[in-house]
Amino acid sequence: MSELDEAWAEALATAAERARTAGRADLTEYLTLRRANDLARTIAKDWLLDSFALLAGEANIAGAAIQIEREEEHRFKIGNASMVGSSLNLRKGVRVVQVEVGWPRVPRDGFIKGGGLAIGHIRHQGIKSADEKLRLLTDPPRPPRWLVENNHGDLTREIHEADLRHHIAVFLDHSARPKHS
């Protein structure tokens, strides 16, 4: 968690306590939900990026020589909306796979169409058919989960470690075929 994220979490906790003390149940409920959503986003972001980094590390142990770069202050666009989050770049020669995760932080950033807490992208440079767009959804009491979104905005399936392994295989072997939803 970055210093900014820690400061944000502390500010939300303080605001929630003030609202509770002032008898503002509506504001307390909103701030509690906001803190829970931020925690879910952070955990899901870390799972996705850390899993890719771990799989790349396993491939490196086997001799793959993948360069792993992580950026914590990453911005990217989805339509007219700005997503703020993190990215992970895996490089091997001219091959690159970029994993981005983010969400709008302030009202001017826009919103996530179709709902969801965060957006993710898995982008294979030069292999557009292997790219996947992800949306983080929650359905309490189930834990948050990443779902693959097709070109029409429909959610097609949940993403699992086996899917991430497949992305690494496509990245390392240009003859591996991208999955189609």
Protein backbone atom coordinates (compact mmCIF):
# COMPACT_ATOMS: atom_id res chain seq x y z
CA MET A 1 0.00 0.00 0.00
CA SER A 2 1.42 3.39 -0.96
CA GLU A 3 1.68 6.32 1.45
CA LEU A 4 -1.16 8.04 -0.42
CA ASP A 5 -3.36 4.93 -0.08
CA GLU A 6 -2.57 4.75 3.64
CA ALA A 7 -3.40 8.45 4.09
CA TRP A 8 -6.65 7.95 2.15
CA ALA A 9 -7.65 4.98 4.33
CA GLU A 10 -6.88 6.97 7.49
CA ALA A 11 -8.88 9.97 6.24
CA LEU A 12 -11.88 7.74 5.47
CA ALA A 13 -11.68 6.15 8.92
CA THR A 14 -11.55 9.59 10.57
CA ALA A 15 -14.48 10.86 8.48
CA ALA A 16 -16.52 7.76 9.33
CA GLU A 17 -15.87 8.25 13.05
CA ARG A 18 -16.89 11.93 12.84
CA ALA A 19 -20.07 10.99 10.97
CA ARG A 20 -20.88 8.31 13.56
CA THR A 21 -20.30 10.78 16.40
CA ALA A 22 -22.53 13.36 14.68
CA GLY A 23 -25.31 10.77 14.30
CA ARG A 24 -25.05 10.74 10.49
CA ALA A 25 -25.87 7.07 9.91
CA ASP A 26 -26.24 7.65 6.16
CA LEU A 27 -22.76 9.13 5.85
CA THR A 28 -21.28 6.51 8.18
CA GLU A 29 -22.79 3.74 6.02
CA TYR A 30 -21.44 5.32 2.82
CA LEU A 31 -17.91 5.75 4.23
CA THR A 32 -17.90 2.20 5.60
CA LEU A 33 -18.90 0.90 2.15
CA ARG A 34 -16.22 3.07 0.53
CA ARG A 35 -13.53 1.64 2.83
CA ALA A 36 -14.70 -1.92 2.12
CA ASN A 37 -14.67 -1.28 -1.65
CA ASP A 38 -11.18 0.26 -1.49
CA LEU A 39 -9.94 -2.78 0.43
CA ALA A 40 -11.51 -5.15 -2.13
CA ARG A 41 -9.93 -3.18 -5.00
CA THR A 42 -6.50 -3.26 -3.38
CA ILE A 43 -6.64 -6.99 -2.65
CA ALA A 44 -7.87 -7.81 -6.17
CA LYS A 45 -5.24 -5.56 -7.78
CA ASP A 46 -2.48 -7.15 -5.73
CA TRP A 47 -3.71 -10.68 -6.51
CA LEU A 48 -3.70 -10.03 -10.26
CA LEU A 49 -0.35 -8.22 -10.45
CA ASP A 50 1.42 -10.40 -7.86
CA SER A 51 0.18 -13.58 -9.56
CA PHE A 52 1.58 -12.46 -12.92
CA ALA A 53 4.88 -11.47 -11.28
CA LEU A 54 5.08 -14.83 -9.49
CA LEU A 55 4.38 -16.76 -12.70
CA ALA A 56 7.01 -14.71 -14.56
CA GLY A 57 9.44 -15.44 -11.72
CA GLU A 58 8.74 -19.18 -12.05
CA ALA A 59 9.42 -18.91 -15.78
CA ASN A 60 12.67 -17.08 -15.01
CA ILE A 61 13.79 -19.91 -12.74
CA ALA A 62 13.28 -22.18 -15.76
CA GLY A 63 15.47 -19.82 -17.85
CA ALA A 64 12.95 -17.46 -19.48
CA ALA A 65 14.84 -14.20 -18.70
CA ILE A 66 11.73 -12.05 -18.33
CA GLN A 67 12.22 -8.47 -17.12
CA ILE A 68 9.55 -7.53 -14.57
CA GLU A 69 8.64 -3.85 -14.01
CA ARG A 70 5.88 -2.58 -11.72
CA GLU A 71 4.52 0.96 -11.67
CA GLU A 72 2.31 2.08 -8.79
CA GLU A 73 1.20 5.48 -10.10
CA HIS A 74 -0.24 4.34 -13.43
CA ARG A 75 -3.07 6.05 -15.37
CA PHE A 76 -4.94 4.71 -18.38
CA LYS A 77 -8.12 5.55 -20.29
CA ILE A 78 -11.25 3.50 -20.78
CA GLY A 79 -13.38 5.45 -23.21
CA ASN A 80 -13.65 8.92 -21.66
CA ALA A 81 -12.89 7.71 -18.13
CA SER A 82 -9.48 7.84 -16.46
CA MET A 83 -8.39 4.88 -14.39
CA VAL A 84 -5.75 5.33 -11.70
CA GLY A 85 -3.87 2.34 -10.35
CA SER A 86 -0.90 0.11 -11.04
CA SER A 87 0.67 -1.72 -13.94
CA LEU A 88 3.02 -4.62 -14.42
CA ASN A 89 5.14 -4.95 -17.55
CA LEU A 90 6.75 -8.23 -18.51
CA ARG A 91 9.45 -7.94 -21.21
CA LYS A 92 11.44 -10.51 -23.10
CA GLY A 93 13.28 -9.14 -26.10
CA VAL A 94 10.70 -7.26 -28.17
CA ARG A 95 7.79 -9.10 -26.54
CA VAL A 96 5.76 -7.23 -23.91
CA VAL A 97 2.67 -8.08 -21.89
CA GLN A 98 1.23 -5.28 -19.78
CA VAL A 99 -1.24 -5.84 -16.95
CA GLU A 100 -3.08 -2.69 -15.84
CA VAL A 101 -5.49 -2.28 -12.94
CA GLY A 102 -7.26 0.90 -11.92
CA TRP A 103 -10.45 2.70 -11.01
CA PRO A 104 -11.70 6.29 -11.06
CA ARG A 105 -10.52 8.12 -7.94
CA VAL A 106 -12.37 11.44 -8.20
CA PRO A 107 -15.62 12.43 -9.96
CA ARG A 108 -13.82 14.07 -12.91
CA ASP A 109 -12.17 10.68 -13.67
CA GLY A 110 -15.57 9.36 -14.79
CA PHE A 111 -17.07 5.99 -13.94
CA ILE A 112 -16.87 2.31 -14.84
CA LYS A 113 -19.57 1.52 -17.40
CA GLY A 114 -21.61 -1.51 -16.45
CA GLY A 115 -20.67 -1.17 -12.80
CA GLY A 116 -17.81 -2.80 -11.05
CA LEU A 117 -15.17 -1.71 -8.61
CA ALA A 118 -12.14 -1.70 -10.94
CA ILE A 119 -11.00 -2.37 -14.49
CA GLY A 120 -8.08 -4.51 -15.56
CA HIS A 121 -6.37 -5.04 -18.90
CA ILE A 122 -4.03 -7.74 -20.03
CA ARG A 123 -2.38 -6.42 -23.21
CA HIS A 124 -0.05 -8.45 -25.38
CA GLN A 125 1.99 -6.13 -27.58
CA GLY A 126 1.58 -7.36 -31.16
CA ILE A 127 -0.97 -10.08 -30.30
CA LYS A 128 -4.21 -8.11 -29.94
CA SER A 129 -6.31 -11.28 -30.10
CA ALA A 130 -4.76 -12.37 -26.77
CA ASP A 131 -5.75 -9.14 -24.97
CA GLU A 132 -8.41 -9.31 -22.28
CA LYS A 133 -10.38 -6.62 -20.49
CA LEU A 134 -11.39 -7.43 -16.92
CA ARG A 135 -13.99 -5.99 -14.57
CA LEU A 136 -13.90 -6.47 -10.80
CA LEU A 137 -17.34 -7.29 -9.40
CA THR A 138 -18.68 -8.05 -5.97
CA ASP A 139 -21.75 -10.12 -5.17
CA PRO A 140 -21.87 -10.38 -1.37
CA PRO A 141 -21.45 -12.74 0.35
CA ARG A 142 -19.09 -14.01 -2.39
CA PRO A 143 -15.63 -12.44 -2.49
CA PRO A 144 -14.79 -9.96 -5.27
CA ARG A 145 -13.81 -11.59 -8.56
CA TRP A 146 -12.31 -10.60 -11.89
CA LEU A 147 -14.57 -11.29 -14.88
CA VAL A 148 -13.53 -11.16 -18.54
CA GLU A 149 -15.46 -8.63 -20.60
CA ASN A 150 -16.00 -9.20 -24.32
CA ASN A 151 -16.05 -6.49 -27.01
CA HIS A 152 -19.78 -5.93 -26.45
CA GLY A 153 -19.36 -5.26 -22.72
CA ASP A 154 -20.80 -8.64 -21.70
CA LEU A 155 -19.10 -10.51 -18.88
CA THR A 156 -18.16 -13.95 -20.14
CA ARG A 157 -16.25 -15.84 -17.43
CA GLU A 158 -14.27 -15.54 -14.22
CA ILE A 159 -10.49 -15.37 -14.57
CA HIS A 160 -8.35 -17.87 -12.64
CA GLU A 161 -4.66 -18.68 -12.22
CA ALA A 162 -4.88 -21.14 -15.14
CA ASP A 163 -5.88 -18.21 -17.39
CA LEU A 164 -2.89 -16.19 -16.15
CA ARG A 165 -0.61 -19.16 -16.88
CA HIS A 166 -2.04 -19.25 -20.40
CA HIS A 167 -1.22 -15.54 -20.85
CA ILE A 168 2.37 -16.26 -19.78
CA ALA A 169 2.51 -19.15 -22.27
CA VAL A 170 1.25 -16.90 -25.09
CA PHE A 171 3.80 -14.26 -24.07
CA LEU A 172 6.69 -16.74 -24.10
CA ASP A 173 5.65 -18.74 -27.16
CA HIS A 174 4.23 -16.80 -30.09
CA SER A 175 2.83 -20.07 -31.47
CA ALA A 176 0.55 -20.53 -28.40
CA ARG A 177 -2.98 -19.69 -29.39
CA PRO A 178 -4.99 -17.04 -27.54
CA LYS A 179 -8.15 -18.28 -25.81
CA HIS A 180 -11.41 -17.01 -27.22
CA SER A 181 -14.37 -16.27 -24.96
